[in-house]
């Protein structure tokens, strides 16, 4: 079962990076995503191509809403007891966007 949590906002053109730490367990795979909780008036037919004010060059991924979410990166802690997960959330709209996290475990 997925759990929705947090209350965050991003202004126009802003980016936020997030890190999550979970105990390392065999067979544990978190699934993290971002859910917009404010109206989205962004055209759903475009994609980000590495231009604009984000300072990202040579990166391309589809945009379904005003929020863009990176791939989830992960790394094992030095002592092997924890997994650290990181995602980046982008606001591609001209409006402030409210969002929450949605987390499920496989």
PDB file of N, CA and C in Angstrom:
ATOM      1  N   UNK A   1       0.837  -1.174   0.000  1.00  0.00           N
ATOM      2  CA  UNK A   1       0.000   0.000   0.000  1.00  0.00           C
ATOM      3  C   UNK A   1       0.884   1.239   0.000  1.00  0.00           C
ATOM      4  N   UNK A   2       0.543   2.203  -0.822  1.00  0.00           N
ATOM      5  CA  UNK A   2       1.311   3.441  -0.919  1.00  0.00           C
ATOM      6  C   UNK A   2       0.886   4.420   0.162  1.00  0.00           C
ATOM      7  N   UNK A   3       1.843   5.248   0.572  1.00  0.00           N
ATOM      8  CA  UNK A   3       1.599   6.270   1.591  1.00  0.00           C
ATOM      9  C   UNK A   3       1.927   7.623   0.989  1.00  0.00           C
ATOM     10  N   UNK A   4       0.998   8.560   1.119  1.00  0.00           N
ATOM     11  CA  UNK A   4       1.232   9.930   0.651  1.00  0.00           C
ATOM     12  C   UNK A   4       1.602  10.779   1.860  1.00  0.00           C
ATOM     13  N   UNK A   5       2.678  11.579   1.737  1.00  0.00           N
ATOM     14  CA  UNK A   5       3.149  12.361   2.872  1.00  0.00           C
ATOM     15  C   UNK A   5       3.864  13.620   2.410  1.00  0.00           C
ATOM     16  N   UNK A   6       3.995  14.563   3.330  1.00  0.00           N
ATOM     17  CA  UNK A   6       4.703  15.816   3.064  1.00  0.00           C
ATOM     18  C   UNK A   6       3.804  16.843   2.406  1.00  0.00           C
ATOM     19  N   UNK A   7       4.195  18.066   2.500  1.00  0.00           N
ATOM     20  CA  UNK A   7       3.511  19.179   1.846  1.00  0.00           C
ATOM     21  C   UNK A   7       4.588  20.162   1.431  1.00  0.00           C
ATOM     22  N   UNK A   8       4.798  20.285   0.142  1.00  0.00           N
ATOM     23  CA  UNK A   8       5.890  21.096  -0.379  1.00  0.00           C
ATOM     24  C   UNK A   8       5.386  21.997  -1.490  1.00  0.00           C
ATOM     25  N   UNK A   9       6.141  23.037  -1.779  1.00  0.00           N
ATOM     26  CA  UNK A   9       5.806  23.903  -2.903  1.00  0.00           C
ATOM     27  C   UNK A   9       7.081  24.339  -3.606  1.00  0.00           C
ATOM     28  N   UNK A  10       6.938  24.592  -4.898  1.00  0.00           N
ATOM     29  CA  UNK A  10       8.037  25.080  -5.726  1.00  0.00           C
ATOM     30  C   UNK A  10       7.537  26.289  -6.510  1.00  0.00           C
ATOM     31  N   UNK A  11       8.310  27.369  -6.479  1.00  0.00           N
ATOM     32  CA  UNK A  11       7.981  28.535  -7.275  1.00  0.00           C
ATOM     33  C   UNK A  11       8.319  28.290  -8.737  1.00  0.00           C
ATOM     34  N   UNK A  12       7.909  29.189  -9.614  1.00  0.00           N
ATOM     35  CA  UNK A  12       8.191  29.051 -11.041  1.00  0.00           C
ATOM     36  C   UNK A  12       9.686  28.889 -11.302  1.00  0.00           C
ATOM     37  N   UNK A  13      10.055  27.848 -12.041  1.00  0.00           N
ATOM     38  CA  UNK A  13      11.447  27.618 -12.409  1.00  0.00           C
ATOM     39  C   UNK A  13      12.341  27.119 -11.298  1.00  0.00           C
ATOM     40  N   UNK A  14      11.789  26.795 -10.133  1.00  0.00           N
ATOM     41  CA  UNK A  14      12.616  26.325  -9.017  1.00  0.00           C
ATOM     42  C   UNK A  14      12.880  24.828  -9.086  1.00  0.00           C
ATOM     43  N   UNK A  15      13.932  24.409  -8.378  1.00  0.00           N
ATOM     44  CA  UNK A  15      14.344  23.011  -8.296  1.00  0.00           C
ATOM     45  C   UNK A  15      14.601  22.689  -6.825  1.00  0.00           C
ATOM     46  N   UNK A  16      14.173  21.493  -6.380  1.00  0.00           N
ATOM     47  CA  UNK A  16      14.474  21.030  -5.029  1.00  0.00           C
ATOM     48  C   UNK A  16      15.039  19.620  -5.100  1.00  0.00           C
ATOM     49  N   UNK A  17      16.098  19.376  -4.351  1.00  0.00           N
ATOM     50  CA  UNK A  17      16.666  18.042  -4.247  1.00  0.00           C
ATOM     51  C   UNK A  17      16.282  17.436  -2.911  1.00  0.00           C
ATOM     52  N   UNK A  18      15.967  16.143  -2.901  1.00  0.00           N
ATOM     53  CA  UNK A  18      15.530  15.454  -1.693  1.00  0.00           C
ATOM     54  C   UNK A  18      16.349  14.197  -1.483  1.00  0.00           C
ATOM     55  N   UNK A  19      16.653  13.892  -0.214  1.00  0.00           N
ATOM     56  CA  UNK A  19      17.377  12.683   0.165  1.00  0.00           C
ATOM     57  C   UNK A  19      16.564  11.933   1.206  1.00  0.00           C
ATOM     58  N   UNK A  20      16.479  10.623   1.051  1.00  0.00           N
ATOM     59  CA  UNK A  20      15.756   9.772   1.988  1.00  0.00           C
ATOM     60  C   UNK A  20      16.687   8.651   2.426  1.00  0.00           C
ATOM     61  N   UNK A  21      16.687   8.323   3.706  1.00  0.00           N
ATOM     62  CA  UNK A  21      17.541   7.258   4.233  1.00  0.00           C
ATOM     63  C   UNK A  21      16.643   6.161   4.791  1.00  0.00           C
ATOM     64  N   UNK A  22      16.898   4.932   4.339  1.00  0.00           N
ATOM     65  CA  UNK A  22      16.122   3.774   4.788  1.00  0.00           C
ATOM     66  C   UNK A  22      17.092   2.690   5.237  1.00  0.00           C
ATOM     67  N   UNK A  23      16.699   1.853   6.194  1.00  0.00           N
ATOM     68  CA  UNK A  23      17.555   0.730   6.581  1.00  0.00           C
ATOM     69  C   UNK A  23      17.753  -0.210   5.388  1.00  0.00           C
ATOM     70  N   UNK A  24      18.938  -0.743   5.243  1.00  0.00           N
ATOM     71  CA  UNK A  24      19.220  -1.692   4.174  1.00  0.00           C
ATOM     72  C   UNK A  24      18.594  -3.033   4.529  1.00  0.00           C
ATOM     73  N   UNK A  25      17.742  -3.542   3.664  1.00  0.00           N
ATOM     74  CA  UNK A  25      17.088  -4.831   3.900  1.00  0.00           C
ATOM     75  C   UNK A  25      17.043  -5.609   2.590  1.00  0.00           C
ATOM     76  N   UNK A  26      17.294  -6.882   2.645  1.00  0.00           N
ATOM     77  CA  UNK A  26      17.247  -7.731   1.455  1.00  0.00           C
ATOM     78  C   UNK A  26      15.829  -7.737   0.903  1.00  0.00           C
ATOM     79  N   UNK A  27      15.706  -7.502  -0.389  1.00  0.00           N
ATOM     80  CA  UNK A  27      14.404  -7.518  -1.043  1.00  0.00           C
ATOM     81  C   UNK A  27      13.612  -6.230  -0.903  1.00  0.00           C
ATOM     82  N   UNK A  28      14.172  -5.218  -0.268  1.00  0.00           N
ATOM     83  CA  UNK A  28      13.471  -3.942  -0.074  1.00  0.00           C
ATOM     84  C   UNK A  28      13.766  -3.010  -1.242  1.00  0.00           C
ATOM     85  N   UNK A  29      12.726  -2.490  -1.876  1.00  0.00           N
ATOM     86  CA  UNK A  29      12.884  -1.534  -2.957  1.00  0.00           C
ATOM     87  C   UNK A  29      11.816  -0.453  -2.823  1.00  0.00           C
ATOM     88  N   UNK A  30      12.196   0.754  -2.383  1.00  0.00           N
ATOM     89  CA  UNK A  30      11.198   1.811  -2.269  1.00  0.00           C
ATOM     90  C   UNK A  30      10.828   2.351  -3.650  1.00  0.00           C
ATOM     91  N   UNK A  31       9.595   2.740  -3.788  1.00  0.00           N
ATOM     92  CA  UNK A  31       9.119   3.391  -5.003  1.00  0.00           C
ATOM     93  C   UNK A  31       8.634   4.770  -4.574  1.00  0.00           C
ATOM     94  N   UNK A  32       9.363   5.804  -4.971  1.00  0.00           N
ATOM     95  CA  UNK A  32       9.035   7.182  -4.594  1.00  0.00           C
ATOM     96  C   UNK A  32       8.571   7.936  -5.823  1.00  0.00           C
ATOM     97  N   UNK A  33       7.531   8.726  -5.674  1.00  0.00           N
ATOM     98  CA  UNK A  33       7.087   9.608  -6.746  1.00  0.00           C
ATOM     99  C   UNK A  33       6.533  10.881  -6.127  1.00  0.00           C
ATOM    100  N   UNK A  34       6.226  11.825  -6.975  1.00  0.00           N
ATOM    101  CA  UNK A  34       5.707  13.120  -6.545  1.00  0.00           C
ATOM    102  C   UNK A  34       4.317  13.292  -7.144  1.00  0.00           C
ATOM    103  N   UNK A  35       3.389  13.770  -6.325  1.00  0.00           N
ATOM    104  CA  UNK A  35       2.009  13.976  -6.754  1.00  0.00           C
ATOM    105  C   UNK A  35       1.674  15.456  -6.636  1.00  0.00           C
ATOM    106  N   UNK A  36       1.307  16.128  -7.746  1.00  0.00           N
ATOM    107  CA  UNK A  36       0.889  17.528  -7.639  1.00  0.00           C
ATOM    108  C   UNK A  36      -0.426  17.622  -6.868  1.00  0.00           C
ATOM    109  N   UNK A  37      -0.547  18.610  -5.989  1.00  0.00           N
ATOM    110  CA  UNK A  37      -1.786  18.798  -5.229  1.00  0.00           C
ATOM    111  C   UNK A  37      -2.437  20.140  -5.528  1.00  0.00           C
ATOM    112  N   UNK A  38      -1.894  20.861  -6.505  1.00  0.00           N
ATOM    113  CA  UNK A  38      -2.507  22.111  -6.953  1.00  0.00           C
ATOM    114  C   UNK A  38      -2.828  21.961  -8.434  1.00  0.00           C
ATOM    115  N   UNK A  39      -3.763  22.786  -8.950  1.00  0.00           N
ATOM    116  CA  UNK A  39      -4.111  22.683 -10.371  1.00  0.00           C
ATOM    117  C   UNK A  39      -2.892  22.886 -11.260  1.00  0.00           C
ATOM    118  N   UNK A  40      -2.878  22.182 -12.376  1.00  0.00           N
ATOM    119  CA  UNK A  40      -1.779  22.266 -13.327  1.00  0.00           C
ATOM    120  C   UNK A  40      -2.322  22.701 -14.680  1.00  0.00           C
ATOM    121  N   UNK A  41      -1.919  23.882 -15.111  1.00  0.00           N
ATOM    122  CA  UNK A  41      -2.401  24.423 -16.380  1.00  0.00           C
ATOM    123  C   UNK A  41      -1.336  24.325 -17.466  1.00  0.00           C
ATOM    124  N   UNK A  42      -0.313  23.487 -17.239  1.00  0.00           N
ATOM    125  CA  UNK A  42       0.791  23.332 -18.179  1.00  0.00           C
ATOM    126  C   UNK A  42       0.382  22.416 -19.327  1.00  0.00           C
ATOM    127  N   UNK A  43       0.760  22.786 -20.546  1.00  0.00           N
ATOM    128  CA  UNK A  43       0.528  21.943 -21.711  1.00  0.00           C
ATOM    129  C   UNK A  43       1.277  20.631 -21.522  1.00  0.00           C
ATOM    130  N   UNK A  44       0.616  19.512 -21.688  1.00  0.00           N
ATOM    131  CA  UNK A  44       1.222  18.207 -21.435  1.00  0.00           C
ATOM    132  C   UNK A  44       1.944  17.636 -22.650  1.00  0.00           C
ATOM    133  N   UNK A  45       2.202  18.422 -23.668  1.00  0.00           N
ATOM    134  CA  UNK A  45       2.753  17.875 -24.899  1.00  0.00           C
ATOM    135  C   UNK A  45       4.218  18.230 -25.128  1.00  0.00           C
ATOM    136  N   UNK A  46       4.927  18.727 -24.128  1.00  0.00           N
ATOM    137  CA  UNK A  46       6.310  19.110 -24.343  1.00  0.00           C
ATOM    138  C   UNK A  46       7.256  18.276 -23.489  1.00  0.00           C
ATOM    139  N   UNK A  47       8.543  18.404 -23.746  1.00  0.00           N
ATOM    140  CA  UNK A  47       9.542  17.730 -22.924  1.00  0.00           C
ATOM    141  C   UNK A  47      10.705  18.669 -22.685  1.00  0.00           C
ATOM    142  N   UNK A  48      11.400  18.452 -21.594  1.00  0.00           N
ATOM    143  CA  UNK A  48      12.557  19.270 -21.241  1.00  0.00           C
ATOM    144  C   UNK A  48      13.763  18.781 -22.022  1.00  0.00           C
ATOM    145  N   UNK A  49      14.520  19.699 -22.618  1.00  0.00           N
ATOM    146  CA  UNK A  49      15.630  19.294 -23.479  1.00  0.00           C
ATOM    147  C   UNK A  49      16.976  19.848 -23.041  1.00  0.00           C
ATOM    148  N   UNK A  50      17.114  20.230 -21.793  1.00  0.00           N
ATOM    149  CA  UNK A  50      18.413  20.682 -21.298  1.00  0.00           C
ATOM    150  C   UNK A  50      18.661  22.164 -21.483  1.00  0.00           C
ATOM    151  N   UNK A  51      17.631  22.926 -21.781  1.00  0.00           N
ATOM    152  CA  UNK A  51      17.791  24.372 -21.907  1.00  0.00           C
ATOM    153  C   UNK A  51      16.979  25.054 -20.827  1.00  0.00           C
ATOM    154  N   UNK A  52      17.141  26.334 -20.692  1.00  0.00           N
ATOM    155  CA  UNK A  52      16.390  27.076 -19.688  1.00  0.00           C
ATOM    156  C   UNK A  52      17.256  27.475 -18.521  1.00  0.00           C
ATOM    157  N   UNK A  53      16.624  27.839 -17.425  1.00  0.00           N
ATOM    158  CA  UNK A  53      17.316  28.386 -16.268  1.00  0.00           C
ATOM    159  C   UNK A  53      17.781  27.330 -15.269  1.00  0.00           C
ATOM    160  N   UNK A  54      17.625  26.046 -15.573  1.00  0.00           N
ATOM    161  CA  UNK A  54      17.954  25.009 -14.610  1.00  0.00           C
ATOM    162  C   UNK A  54      19.428  24.660 -14.592  1.00  0.00           C
ATOM    163  N   UNK A  55      20.208  25.105 -15.571  1.00  0.00           N
ATOM    164  CA  UNK A  55      21.630  24.821 -15.597  1.00  0.00           C
ATOM    165  C   UNK A  55      21.958  23.387 -15.949  1.00  0.00           C
ATOM    166  N   UNK A  56      21.024  22.687 -16.552  1.00  0.00           N
ATOM    167  CA  UNK A  56      21.243  21.296 -16.947  1.00  0.00           C
ATOM    168  C   UNK A  56      21.445  21.245 -18.453  1.00  0.00           C
ATOM    169  N   UNK A  57      22.547  20.722 -18.872  1.00  0.00           N
ATOM    170  CA  UNK A  57      22.840  20.600 -20.299  1.00  0.00           C
ATOM    171  C   UNK A  57      22.856  19.132 -20.685  1.00  0.00           C
ATOM    172  N   UNK A  58      22.338  18.814 -21.856  1.00  0.00           N
ATOM    173  CA  UNK A  58      22.410  17.457 -22.370  1.00  0.00           C
ATOM    174  C   UNK A  58      21.538  16.455 -21.641  1.00  0.00           C
ATOM    175  N   UNK A  59      20.480  16.913 -20.964  1.00  0.00           N
ATOM    176  CA  UNK A  59      19.576  15.997 -20.275  1.00  0.00           C
ATOM    177  C   UNK A  59      18.198  16.144 -20.908  1.00  0.00           C
ATOM    178  N   UNK A  60      17.513  15.045 -21.089  1.00  0.00           N
ATOM    179  CA  UNK A  60      16.195  15.086 -21.711  1.00  0.00           C
ATOM    180  C   UNK A  60      15.293  14.056 -21.059  1.00  0.00           C
ATOM    181  N   UNK A  61      14.074  14.462 -20.688  1.00  0.00           N
ATOM    182  CA  UNK A  61      13.095  13.535 -20.154  1.00  0.00           C
ATOM    183  C   UNK A  61      11.712  14.107 -20.385  1.00  0.00           C
ATOM    184  N   UNK A  62      10.685  13.258 -20.473  1.00  0.00           N
ATOM    185  CA  UNK A  62       9.335  13.755 -20.742  1.00  0.00           C
ATOM    186  C   UNK A  62       8.748  14.477 -19.543  1.00  0.00           C
ATOM    187  N   UNK A  63       7.912  15.440 -19.818  1.00  0.00           N
ATOM    188  CA  UNK A  63       7.213  16.204 -18.786  1.00  0.00           C
ATOM    189  C   UNK A  63       5.726  15.923 -18.949  1.00  0.00           C
ATOM    190  N   UNK A  64       5.101  15.367 -17.947  1.00  0.00           N
ATOM    191  CA  UNK A  64       3.673  15.090 -18.021  1.00  0.00           C
ATOM    192  C   UNK A  64       2.854  16.177 -17.333  1.00  0.00           C
ATOM    193  N   UNK A  65       3.451  16.864 -16.395  1.00  0.00           N
ATOM    194  CA  UNK A  65       2.778  17.948 -15.676  1.00  0.00           C
ATOM    195  C   UNK A  65       3.799  19.061 -15.495  1.00  0.00           C
ATOM    196  N   UNK A  66       3.450  20.059 -14.743  1.00  0.00           N
ATOM    197  CA  UNK A  66       4.389  21.143 -14.451  1.00  0.00           C
ATOM    198  C   UNK A  66       5.571  20.636 -13.638  1.00  0.00           C
ATOM    199  N   UNK A  67       5.402  19.514 -12.945  1.00  0.00           N
ATOM    200  CA  UNK A  67       6.489  18.957 -12.138  1.00  0.00           C
ATOM    201  C   UNK A  67       7.273  17.942 -12.949  1.00  0.00           C
ATOM    202  N   UNK A  68       8.567  18.107 -12.951  1.00  0.00           N
ATOM    203  CA  UNK A  68       9.456  17.095 -13.512  1.00  0.00           C
ATOM    204  C   UNK A  68      10.159  16.419 -12.351  1.00  0.00           C
ATOM    205  N   UNK A  69      10.308  15.113 -12.401  1.00  0.00           N
ATOM    206  CA  UNK A  69      10.949  14.370 -11.327  1.00  0.00           C
ATOM    207  C   UNK A  69      12.051  13.510 -11.922  1.00  0.00           C
ATOM    208  N   UNK A  70      13.230  13.604 -11.338  1.00  0.00           N
ATOM    209  CA  UNK A  70      14.371  12.834 -11.826  1.00  0.00           C
ATOM    210  C   UNK A  70      14.209  11.351 -11.512  1.00  0.00           C
ATOM    211  N   UNK A  71      15.073  10.569 -12.063  1.00  0.00           N
ATOM    212  CA  UNK A  71      15.214   9.171 -11.673  1.00  0.00           C
ATOM    213  C   UNK A  71      15.632   9.134 -10.211  1.00  0.00           C
ATOM    214  N   UNK A  72      15.265   8.080  -9.522  1.00  0.00           N
ATOM    215  CA  UNK A  72      15.690   7.925  -8.133  1.00  0.00           C
ATOM    216  C   UNK A  72      17.101   7.343  -8.130  1.00  0.00           C
ATOM    217  N   UNK A  73      18.024   8.060  -7.545  1.00  0.00           N
ATOM    218  CA  UNK A  73      19.392   7.565  -7.388  1.00  0.00           C
ATOM    219  C   UNK A  73      19.523   6.960  -6.008  1.00  0.00           C
ATOM    220  N   UNK A  74      20.371   5.969  -5.874  1.00  0.00           N
ATOM    221  CA  UNK A  74      20.575   5.378  -4.553  1.00  0.00           C
ATOM    222  C   UNK A  74      22.041   5.035  -4.341  1.00  0.00           C
ATOM    223  N   UNK A  75      22.413   4.969  -3.081  1.00  0.00           N
ATOM    224  CA  UNK A  75      23.779   4.582  -2.715  1.00  0.00           C
ATOM    225  C   UNK A  75      23.736   3.910  -1.353  1.00  0.00           C
ATOM    226  N   UNK A  76      24.619   2.951  -1.170  1.00  0.00           N
ATOM    227  CA  UNK A  76      24.736   2.241   0.093  1.00  0.00           C
ATOM    228  C   UNK A  76      25.641   3.041   1.013  1.00  0.00           C
ATOM    229  N   UNK A  77      25.278   3.140   2.292  1.00  0.00           N
ATOM    230  CA  UNK A  77      26.135   3.845   3.247  1.00  0.00           C
ATOM    231  C   UNK A  77      27.463   3.111   3.399  1.00  0.00           C
ATOM    232  N   UNK A  78      28.463   3.798   3.913  1.00  0.00           N
ATOM    233  CA  UNK A  78      29.802   3.219   4.054  1.00  0.00           C
ATOM    234  C   UNK A  78      29.814   1.933   4.888  1.00  0.00           C
ATOM    235  N   UNK A  79      28.955   1.880   5.910  1.00  0.00           N
ATOM    236  CA  UNK A  79      28.937   0.680   6.750  1.00  0.00           C
ATOM    237  C   UNK A  79      27.947  -0.376   6.245  1.00  0.00           C
ATOM    238  N   UNK A  80      27.224  -0.076   5.146  1.00  0.00           N
ATOM    239  CA  UNK A  80      26.320  -1.047   4.538  1.00  0.00           C
ATOM    240  C   UNK A  80      24.992  -1.228   5.232  1.00  0.00           C
ATOM    241  N   UNK A  81      24.684  -0.412   6.241  1.00  0.00           N
ATOM    242  CA  UNK A  81      23.444  -0.595   6.997  1.00  0.00           C
ATOM    243  C   UNK A  81      22.279   0.234   6.475  1.00  0.00           C
ATOM    244  N   UNK A  82      22.567   1.248   5.643  1.00  0.00           N
ATOM    245  CA  UNK A  82      21.503   2.128   5.169  1.00  0.00           C
ATOM    246  C   UNK A  82      21.626   2.365   3.663  1.00  0.00           C
ATOM    247  N   UNK A  83      20.468   2.598   3.044  1.00  0.00           N
ATOM    248  CA  UNK A  83      20.405   3.022   1.658  1.00  0.00           C
ATOM    249  C   UNK A  83      19.974   4.479   1.637  1.00  0.00           C
ATOM    250  N   UNK A  84      20.650   5.280   0.840  1.00  0.00           N
ATOM    251  CA  UNK A  84      20.321   6.698   0.698  1.00  0.00           C
ATOM    252  C   UNK A  84      19.750   6.892  -0.701  1.00  0.00           C
ATOM    253  N   UNK A  85      18.545   7.416  -0.788  1.00  0.00           N
ATOM    254  CA  UNK A  85      17.871   7.661  -2.055  1.00  0.00           C
ATOM    255  C   UNK A  85      17.770   9.154  -2.286  1.00  0.00           C
ATOM    256  N   UNK A  86      17.928   9.569  -3.530  1.00  0.00           N
ATOM    257  CA  UNK A  86      17.854  10.989  -3.868  1.00  0.00           C
ATOM    258  C   UNK A  86      17.008  11.178  -5.121  1.00  0.00           C
ATOM    259  N   UNK A  87      16.180  12.223  -5.126  1.00  0.00           N
ATOM    260  CA  UNK A  87      15.446  12.622  -6.317  1.00  0.00           C
ATOM    261  C   UNK A  87      15.500  14.134  -6.418  1.00  0.00           C
ATOM    262  N   UNK A  88      15.267  14.641  -7.610  1.00  0.00           N
ATOM    263  CA  UNK A  88      15.219  16.075  -7.854  1.00  0.00           C
ATOM    264  C   UNK A  88      13.861  16.392  -8.456  1.00  0.00           C
ATOM    265  N   UNK A  89      13.208  17.440  -7.940  1.00  0.00           N
ATOM    266  CA  UNK A  89      11.895  17.856  -8.417  1.00  0.00           C
ATOM    267  C   UNK A  89      12.043  19.225  -9.066  1.00  0.00           C
ATOM    268  N   UNK A  90      11.500  19.386 -10.279  1.00  0.00           N
ATOM    269  CA  UNK A  90      11.575  20.627 -11.050  1.00  0.00           C
ATOM    270  C   UNK A  90      10.177  21.199 -11.231  1.00  0.00           C
ATOM    271  N   UNK A  91      10.043  22.519 -11.219  1.00  0.00           N
ATOM    272  CA  UNK A  91       8.787  23.174 -11.577  1.00  0.00           C
ATOM    273  C   UNK A  91       8.987  23.849 -12.930  1.00  0.00           C
ATOM    274  N   UNK A  92       8.352  23.317 -13.963  1.00  0.00           N
ATOM    275  CA  UNK A  92       8.489  23.844 -15.311  1.00  0.00           C
ATOM    276  C   UNK A  92       7.397  24.847 -15.665  1.00  0.00           C
ATOM    277  N   UNK A  93       6.538  25.192 -14.726  1.00  0.00           N
ATOM    278  CA  UNK A  93       5.431  26.103 -15.031  1.00  0.00           C
ATOM    279  C   UNK A  93       5.772  27.535 -14.648  1.00  0.00           C
ATOM    280  N   UNK A  94       4.843  28.423 -14.937  1.00  0.00           N
ATOM    281  CA  UNK A  94       4.981  29.833 -14.553  1.00  0.00           C
ATOM    282  C   UNK A  94       4.246  30.122 -13.250  1.00  0.00           C
ATOM    283  N   UNK A  95       3.789  29.078 -12.572  1.00  0.00           N
ATOM    284  CA  UNK A  95       3.032  29.225 -11.329  1.00  0.00           C
ATOM    285  C   UNK A  95       3.681  28.395 -10.226  1.00  0.00           C
ATOM    286  N   UNK A  96       3.409  28.751  -8.975  1.00  0.00           N
ATOM    287  CA  UNK A  96       3.841  27.927  -7.852  1.00  0.00           C
ATOM    288  C   UNK A  96       3.050  26.628  -7.875  1.00  0.00           C
ATOM    289  N   UNK A  97       3.727  25.502  -7.654  1.00  0.00           N
ATOM    290  CA  UNK A  97       3.089  24.194  -7.665  1.00  0.00           C
ATOM    291  C   UNK A  97       3.246  23.562  -6.289  1.00  0.00           C
ATOM    292  N   UNK A  98       2.148  23.066  -5.746  1.00  0.00           N
ATOM    293  CA  UNK A  98       2.139  22.330  -4.478  1.00  0.00           C
ATOM    294  C   UNK A  98       2.243  20.845  -4.802  1.00  0.00           C
ATOM    295  N   UNK A  99       2.981  20.080  -3.984  1.00  0.00           N
ATOM    296  CA  UNK A  99       3.089  18.649  -4.224  1.00  0.00           C
ATOM    297  C   UNK A  99       3.368  17.893  -2.933  1.00  0.00           C
ATOM    298  N   UNK A 100       3.107  16.606  -2.972  1.00  0.00           N
ATOM    299  CA  UNK A 100       3.410  15.691  -1.881  1.00  0.00           C
ATOM    300  C   UNK A 100       4.192  14.508  -2.443  1.00  0.00           C
ATOM    301  N   UNK A 101       4.745  13.693  -1.560  1.00  0.00           N
ATOM    302  CA  UNK A 101       5.433  12.474  -1.980  1.00  0.00           C
ATOM    303  C   UNK A 101       4.483  11.296  -1.867  1.00  0.00           C
ATOM    304  N   UNK A 102       4.667  10.334  -2.747  1.00  0.00           N
ATOM    305  CA  UNK A 102       3.936   9.077  -2.703  1.00  0.00           C
ATOM    306  C   UNK A 102       4.966   7.981  -2.621  1.00  0.00           C
ATOM    307  N   UNK A 103       4.879   7.147  -1.595  1.00  0.00           N
ATOM    308  CA  UNK A 103       5.893   6.119  -1.370  1.00  0.00           C
ATOM    309  C   UNK A 103       5.249   4.753  -1.202  1.00  0.00           C
ATOM    310  N   UNK A 104       5.779   3.784  -1.888  1.00  0.00           N
ATOM    311  CA  UNK A 104       5.371   2.401  -1.745  1.00  0.00           C
ATOM    312  C   UNK A 104       6.626   1.554  -1.672  1.00  0.00           C
ATOM    313  N   UNK A 105       6.544   0.382  -1.111  1.00  0.00           N
ATOM    314  CA  UNK A 105       7.687  -0.514  -1.001  1.00  0.00           C
ATOM    315  C   UNK A 105       7.379  -1.808  -1.738  1.00  0.00           C
ATOM    316  N   UNK A 106       8.329  -2.254  -2.559  1.00  0.00           N
ATOM    317  CA  UNK A 106       8.172  -3.544  -3.241  1.00  0.00           C
ATOM    318  C   UNK A 106       8.958  -4.587  -2.510  1.00  0.00           C
TER     319      UNK A 106
END
